[in-house]
Amino acid sequence: MPPVPPDEMPLEPQPVLWAWPIAEVDLGGAADCLAVEGEVAAEVGSRFALANQLTRFEQGGVAYHVVVRPVLPDEPGCPGPR
C-alpha cells in the first residue's frame, strides 16, 4: 500500500465544546473533586454517555475538561454528596 499524501491525510480529531446543562453542579467550584448522587448523578452519567475524551464543557463562559469516576468511601476530602 503506497503512503498517503499529506493533503489527503484525515484531519485530527478536534475537541467539542458543550454547554454544561446541570445547574446543581458548579464546575468552577468543583476543583479536584465533587461527589454527586441520586438524580444529579444520573444526569451526569447520561451526559457523559454521549461524550468522549475530547468533549469539553462550558459554564459561565469558561471551558472545563471534566473527568467522571466513582469515589471510594475511604477517599477523604471530596465535598458532597449533592
PDB file of N, CA and C in Angstrom:
ATOM      1  N   MET A   1       0.845  -1.170   0.000  1.00  0.00           N
ATOM      2  CA  MET A   1       0.000   0.000   0.000  1.00  0.00           C
ATOM      3  C   MET A   1       0.895   1.240   0.000  1.00  0.00           C
ATOM      4  N   PRO A   2       0.699   2.155  -0.951  1.00  0.00           N
ATOM      5  CA  PRO A   2       1.538   3.362  -1.014  1.00  0.00           C
ATOM      6  C   PRO A   2       1.191   4.329   0.118  1.00  0.00           C
ATOM      7  N   PRO A   3       2.159   5.191   0.496  1.00  0.00           N
ATOM      8  CA  PRO A   3       1.871   6.168   1.547  1.00  0.00           C
ATOM      9  C   PRO A   3       0.801   7.165   1.099  1.00  0.00           C
ATOM     10  N   VAL A   4       0.072   7.687   2.061  1.00  0.00           N
ATOM     11  CA  VAL A   4      -0.976   8.675   1.777  1.00  0.00           C
ATOM     12  C   VAL A   4      -0.338  10.059   1.747  1.00  0.00           C
ATOM     13  N   PRO A   5      -0.568  10.832   0.690  1.00  0.00           N
ATOM     14  CA  PRO A   5      -0.010  12.188   0.643  1.00  0.00           C
ATOM     15  C   PRO A   5      -0.554  13.044   1.796  1.00  0.00           C
ATOM     16  N   PRO A   6       0.246  13.976   2.302  1.00  0.00           N
ATOM     17  CA  PRO A   6      -0.172  14.789   3.452  1.00  0.00           C
ATOM     18  C   PRO A   6      -1.500  15.515   3.247  1.00  0.00           C
ATOM     19  N   ASP A   7      -1.772  15.984   2.031  1.00  0.00           N
ATOM     20  CA  ASP A   7      -3.022  16.712   1.815  1.00  0.00           C
ATOM     21  C   ASP A   7      -4.246  15.794   1.775  1.00  0.00           C
ATOM     22  N   GLU A   8      -4.026  14.476   1.799  1.00  0.00           N
ATOM     23  CA  GLU A   8      -5.125  13.520   1.819  1.00  0.00           C
ATOM     24  C   GLU A   8      -5.259  12.831   3.178  1.00  0.00           C
ATOM     25  N   MET A   9      -4.401  13.207   4.119  1.00  0.00           N
ATOM     26  CA  MET A   9      -4.457  12.613   5.455  1.00  0.00           C
ATOM     27  C   MET A   9      -5.743  13.060   6.147  1.00  0.00           C
ATOM     28  N   PRO A  10      -6.330  12.191   6.944  1.00  0.00           N
ATOM     29  CA  PRO A  10      -7.532  12.604   7.682  1.00  0.00           C
ATOM     30  C   PRO A  10      -7.187  13.704   8.683  1.00  0.00           C
ATOM     31  N   LEU A  11      -8.146  14.572   8.928  1.00  0.00           N
ATOM     32  CA  LEU A  11      -7.951  15.637   9.903  1.00  0.00           C
ATOM     33  C   LEU A  11      -7.857  15.062  11.307  1.00  0.00           C
ATOM     34  N   GLU A  12      -7.110  15.745  12.151  1.00  0.00           N
ATOM     35  CA  GLU A  12      -7.025  15.337  13.554  1.00  0.00           C
ATOM     36  C   GLU A  12      -8.366  15.598  14.227  1.00  0.00           C
ATOM     37  N   PRO A  13      -8.766  14.722  15.154  1.00  0.00           N
ATOM     38  CA  PRO A  13     -10.000  14.982  15.898  1.00  0.00           C
ATOM     39  C   PRO A  13      -9.877  16.293  16.674  1.00  0.00           C
ATOM     40  N   GLN A  14     -10.956  17.022  16.744  1.00  0.00           N
ATOM     41  CA  GLN A  14     -10.960  18.306  17.429  1.00  0.00           C
ATOM     42  C   GLN A  14     -11.826  18.228  18.683  1.00  0.00           C
ATOM     43  N   PRO A  15     -11.430  18.938  19.735  1.00  0.00           N
ATOM     44  CA  PRO A  15     -12.290  18.993  20.934  1.00  0.00           C
ATOM     45  C   PRO A  15     -13.652  19.601  20.586  1.00  0.00           C
ATOM     46  N   VAL A  16     -14.663  19.145  21.282  1.00  0.00           N
ATOM     47  CA  VAL A  16     -16.023  19.632  21.107  1.00  0.00           C
ATOM     48  C   VAL A  16     -16.431  20.329  22.403  1.00  0.00           C
ATOM     49  N   LEU A  17     -17.033  21.500  22.286  1.00  0.00           N
ATOM     50  CA  LEU A  17     -17.454  22.259  23.459  1.00  0.00           C
ATOM     51  C   LEU A  17     -18.970  22.189  23.589  1.00  0.00           C
ATOM     52  N   TRP A  18     -19.428  21.624  24.719  1.00  0.00           N
ATOM     53  CA  TRP A  18     -20.861  21.532  25.008  1.00  0.00           C
ATOM     54  C   TRP A  18     -21.179  22.433  26.182  1.00  0.00           C
ATOM     55  N   ALA A  19     -22.362  23.021  26.162  1.00  0.00           N
ATOM     56  CA  ALA A  19     -22.829  23.782  27.319  1.00  0.00           C
ATOM     57  C   ALA A  19     -23.115  22.803  28.455  1.00  0.00           C
ATOM     58  N   TRP A  20     -22.701  23.146  29.671  1.00  0.00           N
ATOM     59  CA  TRP A  20     -22.950  22.295  30.838  1.00  0.00           C
ATOM     60  C   TRP A  20     -24.406  22.477  31.253  1.00  0.00           C
ATOM     61  N   PRO A  21     -25.207  21.404  31.225  1.00  0.00           N
ATOM     62  CA  PRO A  21     -26.643  21.550  31.438  1.00  0.00           C
ATOM     63  C   PRO A  21     -27.117  21.321  32.875  1.00  0.00           C
ATOM     64  N   ILE A  22     -26.213  21.037  33.792  1.00  0.00           N
ATOM     65  CA  ILE A  22     -26.626  20.605  35.135  1.00  0.00           C
ATOM     66  C   ILE A  22     -26.385  21.745  36.119  1.00  0.00           C
ATOM     67  N   ALA A  23     -27.425  22.514  36.392  1.00  0.00           N
ATOM     68  CA  ALA A  23     -27.297  23.710  37.226  1.00  0.00           C
ATOM     69  C   ALA A  23     -26.835  23.386  38.646  1.00  0.00           C
ATOM     70  N   GLU A  24     -27.156  22.206  39.152  1.00  0.00           N
ATOM     71  CA  GLU A  24     -26.774  21.827  40.518  1.00  0.00           C
ATOM     72  C   GLU A  24     -25.279  21.604  40.687  1.00  0.00           C
ATOM     73  N   VAL A  25     -24.557  21.498  39.589  1.00  0.00           N
ATOM     74  CA  VAL A  25     -23.115  21.250  39.639  1.00  0.00           C
ATOM     75  C   VAL A  25     -22.379  22.467  39.083  1.00  0.00           C
ATOM     76  N   ASP A  26     -21.679  23.169  39.977  1.00  0.00           N
ATOM     77  CA  ASP A  26     -20.870  24.328  39.583  1.00  0.00           C
ATOM     78  C   ASP A  26     -19.465  23.832  39.263  1.00  0.00           C
ATOM     79  N   LEU A  27     -19.120  23.800  37.982  1.00  0.00           N
ATOM     80  CA  LEU A  27     -17.813  23.274  37.575  1.00  0.00           C
ATOM     81  C   LEU A  27     -16.670  24.103  38.147  1.00  0.00           C
ATOM     82  N   GLY A  28     -16.841  25.417  38.205  1.00  0.00           N
ATOM     83  CA  GLY A  28     -15.795  26.274  38.746  1.00  0.00           C
ATOM     84  C   GLY A  28     -15.526  26.020  40.215  1.00  0.00           C
ATOM     85  N   GLY A  29     -16.546  25.648  40.958  1.00  0.00           N
ATOM     86  CA  GLY A  29     -16.389  25.380  42.380  1.00  0.00           C
ATOM     87  C   GLY A  29     -16.052  23.938  42.697  1.00  0.00           C
ATOM     88  N   ALA A  30     -16.062  23.074  41.686  1.00  0.00           N
ATOM     89  CA  ALA A  30     -15.827  21.651  41.930  1.00  0.00           C
ATOM     90  C   ALA A  30     -14.367  21.350  42.240  1.00  0.00           C
ATOM     91  N   ALA A  31     -13.436  22.162  41.769  1.00  0.00           N
ATOM     92  CA  ALA A  31     -11.998  21.966  41.994  1.00  0.00           C
ATOM     93  C   ALA A  31     -11.579  20.566  41.569  1.00  0.00           C
ATOM     94  N   ASP A  32     -10.978  19.810  42.490  1.00  0.00           N
ATOM     95  CA  ASP A  32     -10.468  18.476  42.156  1.00  0.00           C
ATOM     96  C   ASP A  32     -11.514  17.384  42.258  1.00  0.00           C
ATOM     97  N   CYS A  33     -12.542  17.604  43.087  1.00  0.00           N
ATOM     98  CA  CYS A  33     -13.476  16.513  43.343  1.00  0.00           C
ATOM     99  C   CYS A  33     -14.809  17.070  43.816  1.00  0.00           C
ATOM    100  N   LEU A  34     -15.885  16.498  43.326  1.00  0.00           N
ATOM    101  CA  LEU A  34     -17.225  16.843  43.784  1.00  0.00           C
ATOM    102  C   LEU A  34     -18.069  15.588  43.712  1.00  0.00           C
ATOM    103  N   ALA A  35     -18.596  15.169  44.824  1.00  0.00           N
ATOM    104  CA  ALA A  35     -19.432  13.965  44.860  1.00  0.00           C
ATOM    105  C   ALA A  35     -20.871  14.339  44.544  1.00  0.00           C
ATOM    106  N   VAL A  36     -21.504  13.559  43.694  1.00  0.00           N
ATOM    107  CA  VAL A  36     -22.922  13.723  43.390  1.00  0.00           C
ATOM    108  C   VAL A  36     -23.592  12.362  43.518  1.00  0.00           C
ATOM    109  N   GLU A  37     -24.882  12.387  43.807  1.00  0.00           N
ATOM    110  CA  GLU A  37     -25.623  11.124  43.885  1.00  0.00           C
ATOM    111  C   GLU A  37     -27.066  11.374  43.477  1.00  0.00           C
ATOM    112  N   GLY A  38     -27.834  10.293  43.402  1.00  0.00           N
ATOM    113  CA  GLY A  38     -29.247  10.404  43.070  1.00  0.00           C
ATOM    114  C   GLY A  38     -29.484  10.915  41.661  1.00  0.00           C
ATOM    115  N   GLU A  39     -30.482  11.809  41.533  1.00  0.00           N
ATOM    116  CA  GLU A  39     -30.862  12.329  40.225  1.00  0.00           C
ATOM    117  C   GLU A  39     -29.739  13.102  39.548  1.00  0.00           C
ATOM    118  N   VAL A  40     -28.951  13.840  40.340  1.00  0.00           N
ATOM    119  CA  VAL A  40     -27.840  14.602  39.762  1.00  0.00           C
ATOM    120  C   VAL A  40     -26.801  13.648  39.188  1.00  0.00           C
ATOM    121  N   ALA A  41     -26.484  12.580  39.906  1.00  0.00           N
ATOM    122  CA  ALA A  41     -25.526  11.594  39.406  1.00  0.00           C
ATOM    123  C   ALA A  41     -26.044  10.932  38.130  1.00  0.00           C
ATOM    124  N   ALA A  42     -27.330  10.646  38.093  1.00  0.00           N
ATOM    125  CA  ALA A  42     -27.919  10.043  36.887  1.00  0.00           C
ATOM    126  C   ALA A  42     -27.825  11.005  35.708  1.00  0.00           C
ATOM    127  N   GLU A  43     -28.062  12.294  35.956  1.00  0.00           N
ATOM    128  CA  GLU A  43     -27.975  13.289  34.895  1.00  0.00           C
ATOM    129  C   GLU A  43     -26.535  13.431  34.389  1.00  0.00           C
ATOM    130  N   VAL A  44     -25.566  13.441  35.316  1.00  0.00           N
ATOM    131  CA  VAL A  44     -24.153  13.497  34.916  1.00  0.00           C
ATOM    132  C   VAL A  44     -23.807  12.259  34.092  1.00  0.00           C
ATOM    133  N   GLY A  45     -24.242  11.097  34.538  1.00  0.00           N
ATOM    134  CA  GLY A  45     -23.962   9.857  33.822  1.00  0.00           C
ATOM    135  C   GLY A  45     -24.536   9.843  32.424  1.00  0.00           C
ATOM    136  N   SER A  46     -25.760  10.333  32.266  1.00  0.00           N
ATOM    137  CA  SER A  46     -26.372  10.336  30.932  1.00  0.00           C
ATOM    138  C   SER A  46     -25.673  11.324  30.005  1.00  0.00           C
ATOM    139  N   ARG A  47     -25.205  12.440  30.557  1.00  0.00           N
ATOM    140  CA  ARG A  47     -24.463  13.416  29.743  1.00  0.00           C
ATOM    141  C   ARG A  47     -23.138  12.808  29.278  1.00  0.00           C
ATOM    142  N   PHE A  48     -22.442  12.108  30.177  1.00  0.00           N
ATOM    143  CA  PHE A  48     -21.146  11.535  29.822  1.00  0.00           C
ATOM    144  C   PHE A  48     -21.263  10.310  28.934  1.00  0.00           C
ATOM    145  N   ALA A  49     -22.416   9.698  28.887  1.00  0.00           N
ATOM    146  CA  ALA A  49     -22.615   8.578  27.968  1.00  0.00           C
ATOM    147  C   ALA A  49     -22.531   9.050  26.516  1.00  0.00           C
ATOM    148  N   LEU A  50     -22.792  10.337  26.295  1.00  0.00           N
ATOM    149  CA  LEU A  50     -22.751  10.909  24.945  1.00  0.00           C
ATOM    150  C   LEU A  50     -21.410  11.568  24.620  1.00  0.00           C
ATOM    151  N   ALA A  51     -20.568  11.760  25.613  1.00  0.00           N
ATOM    152  CA  ALA A  51     -19.299  12.474  25.453  1.00  0.00           C
ATOM    153  C   ALA A  51     -18.171  11.512  25.087  1.00  0.00           C
ATOM    154  N   ASN A  52     -17.028  12.110  24.710  1.00  0.00           N
ATOM    155  CA  ASN A  52     -15.820  11.322  24.512  1.00  0.00           C
ATOM    156  C   ASN A  52     -14.646  12.061  25.157  1.00  0.00           C
ATOM    157  N   GLN A  53     -13.419  11.584  24.938  1.00  0.00           N
ATOM    158  CA  GLN A  53     -12.254  12.174  25.594  1.00  0.00           C
ATOM    159  C   GLN A  53     -11.968  13.606  25.150  1.00  0.00           C
ATOM    160  N   LEU A  54     -12.502  14.016  24.023  1.00  0.00           N
ATOM    161  CA  LEU A  54     -12.260  15.370  23.527  1.00  0.00           C
ATOM    162  C   LEU A  54     -13.390  16.339  23.868  1.00  0.00           C
ATOM    163  N   THR A  55     -14.406  15.864  24.553  1.00  0.00           N
ATOM    164  CA  THR A  55     -15.529  16.726  24.921  1.00  0.00           C
ATOM    165  C   THR A  55     -15.112  17.629  26.072  1.00  0.00           C
ATOM    166  N   ARG A  56     -15.387  18.914  25.911  1.00  0.00           N
ATOM    167  CA  ARG A  56     -15.185  19.903  26.967  1.00  0.00           C
ATOM    168  C   ARG A  56     -16.538  20.513  27.277  1.00  0.00           C
ATOM    169  N   PHE A  57     -16.676  21.033  28.476  1.00  0.00           N
ATOM    170  CA  PHE A  57     -17.946  21.614  28.886  1.00  0.00           C
ATOM    171  C   PHE A  57     -17.754  23.074  29.234  1.00  0.00           C
ATOM    172  N   GLU A  58     -18.709  23.908  28.808  1.00  0.00           N
ATOM    173  CA  GLU A  58     -18.659  25.342  29.062  1.00  0.00           C
ATOM    174  C   GLU A  58     -19.716  25.710  30.086  1.00  0.00           C
ATOM    175  N   GLN A  59     -19.280  26.485  31.066  1.00  0.00           N
ATOM    176  CA  GLN A  59     -20.204  27.006  32.065  1.00  0.00           C
ATOM    177  C   GLN A  59     -19.721  28.401  32.455  1.00  0.00           C
ATOM    178  N   GLY A  60     -20.587  29.363  32.352  1.00  0.00           N
ATOM    179  CA  GLY A  60     -20.225  30.727  32.716  1.00  0.00           C
ATOM    180  C   GLY A  60     -19.123  31.324  31.865  1.00  0.00           C
ATOM    181  N   GLY A  61     -19.047  30.922  30.598  1.00  0.00           N
ATOM    182  CA  GLY A  61     -18.035  31.458  29.700  1.00  0.00           C
ATOM    183  C   GLY A  61     -16.662  30.831  29.841  1.00  0.00           C
ATOM    184  N   VAL A  62     -16.543  29.783  30.644  1.00  0.00           N
ATOM    185  CA  VAL A  62     -15.259  29.094  30.855  1.00  0.00           C
ATOM    186  C   VAL A  62     -15.397  27.647  30.384  1.00  0.00           C
ATOM    187  N   ALA A  63     -14.386  27.156  29.670  1.00  0.00           N
ATOM    188  CA  ALA A  63     -14.371  25.768  29.209  1.00  0.00           C
ATOM    189  C   ALA A  63     -13.658  24.892  30.232  1.00  0.00           C
ATOM    190  N   TYR A  64     -14.245  23.733  30.524  1.00  0.00           N
ATOM    191  CA  TYR A  64     -13.686  22.802  31.511  1.00  0.00           C
ATOM    192  C   TYR A  64     -13.489  21.425  30.891  1.00  0.00           C
ATOM    193  N   HIS A  65     -12.415  20.760  31.296  1.00  0.00           N
ATOM    194  CA  HIS A  65     -12.199  19.346  30.985  1.00  0.00           C
ATOM    195  C   HIS A  65     -12.648  18.598  32.233  1.00  0.00           C
ATOM    196  N   VAL A  66     -13.708  17.822  32.112  1.00  0.00           N
ATOM    197  CA  VAL A  66     -14.324  17.164  33.259  1.00  0.00           C
ATOM    198  C   VAL A  66     -14.075  15.665  33.180  1.00  0.00           C
ATOM    199  N   VAL A  67     -13.679  15.085  34.299  1.00  0.00           N
ATOM    200  CA  VAL A  67     -13.466  13.640  34.395  1.00  0.00           C
ATOM    201  C   VAL A  67     -14.444  13.094  35.427  1.00  0.00           C
ATOM    202  N   VAL A  68     -15.128  12.021  35.081  1.00  0.00           N
ATOM    203  CA  VAL A  68     -16.083  11.396  35.992  1.00  0.00           C
ATOM    204  C   VAL A  68     -15.563  10.019  36.369  1.00  0.00           C
ATOM    205  N   ARG A  69     -15.617   9.738  37.650  1.00  0.00           N
ATOM    206  CA  ARG A  69     -15.241   8.403  38.139  1.00  0.00           C
ATOM    207  C   ARG A  69     -15.926   8.175  39.473  1.00  0.00           C
ATOM    208  N   PRO A  70     -16.048   6.919  39.885  1.00  0.00           N
ATOM    209  CA  PRO A  70     -16.623   6.668  41.206  1.00  0.00           C
ATOM    210  C   PRO A  70     -15.671   7.142  42.303  1.00  0.00           C
ATOM    211  N   VAL A  71     -16.240   7.596  43.388  1.00  0.00           N
ATOM    212  CA  VAL A  71     -15.453   7.990  44.558  1.00  0.00           C
ATOM    213  C   VAL A  71     -15.599   6.875  45.584  1.00  0.00           C
ATOM    214  N   LEU A  72     -14.472   6.363  46.025  1.00  0.00           N
ATOM    215  CA  LEU A  72     -14.481   5.278  47.003  1.00  0.00           C
ATOM    216  C   LEU A  72     -14.734   5.830  48.408  1.00  0.00           C
ATOM    217  N   PRO A  73     -15.382   5.050  49.260  1.00  0.00           N
ATOM    218  CA  PRO A  73     -15.737   5.536  50.597  1.00  0.00           C
ATOM    219  C   PRO A  73     -14.544   5.995  51.438  1.00  0.00           C
ATOM    220  N   ASP A  74     -13.380   5.440  51.213  1.00  0.00           N
ATOM    221  CA  ASP A  74     -12.218   5.812  52.043  1.00  0.00           C
ATOM    222  C   ASP A  74     -11.445   7.001  51.488  1.00  0.00           C
ATOM    223  N   GLU A  75     -11.910   7.623  50.409  1.00  0.00           N
ATOM    224  CA  GLU A  75     -11.218   8.769  49.837  1.00  0.00           C
ATOM    225  C   GLU A  75     -11.645  10.047  50.573  1.00  0.00           C
ATOM    226  N   PRO A  76     -10.717  10.670  51.315  1.00  0.00           N
ATOM    227  CA  PRO A  76     -11.077  11.870  52.075  1.00  0.00           C
ATOM    228  C   PRO A  76     -11.046  13.127  51.213  1.00  0.00           C
ATOM    229  N   GLY A  77     -11.694  14.161  51.700  1.00  0.00           N
ATOM    230  CA  GLY A  77     -11.564  15.472  51.094  1.00  0.00           C
ATOM    231  C   GLY A  77     -12.432  15.750  49.894  1.00  0.00           C
ATOM    232  N   CYS A  78     -13.387  14.909  49.601  1.00  0.00           N
ATOM    233  CA  CYS A  78     -14.254  15.152  48.474  1.00  0.00           C
ATOM    234  C   CYS A  78     -15.584  15.694  48.987  1.00  0.00           C
ATOM    235  N   PRO A  79     -15.915  16.966  48.670  1.00  0.00           N
ATOM    236  CA  PRO A  79     -17.168  17.515  49.137  1.00  0.00           C
ATOM    237  C   PRO A  79     -18.365  16.813  48.505  1.00  0.00           C
ATOM    238  N   GLY A  80     -19.433  16.751  49.200  1.00  0.00           N
ATOM    239  CA  GLY A  80     -20.635  16.144  48.641  1.00  0.00           C
ATOM    240  C   GLY A  80     -21.341  15.353  49.705  1.00  0.00           C
ATOM    241  N   PRO A  81     -22.298  14.600  49.403  1.00  0.00           N
ATOM    242  CA  PRO A  81     -22.900  14.464  48.071  1.00  0.00           C
ATOM    243  C   PRO A  81     -23.873  15.594  47.783  1.00  0.00           C
ATOM    244  N   ARG A  82     -24.213  15.728  46.507  1.00  0.00           N
ATOM    245  CA  ARG A  82     -25.205  16.716  46.060  1.00  0.00           C
ATOM    246  C   ARG A  82     -26.312  16.004  45.359  1.00  0.00           C
TER     247      ARG A  82
END
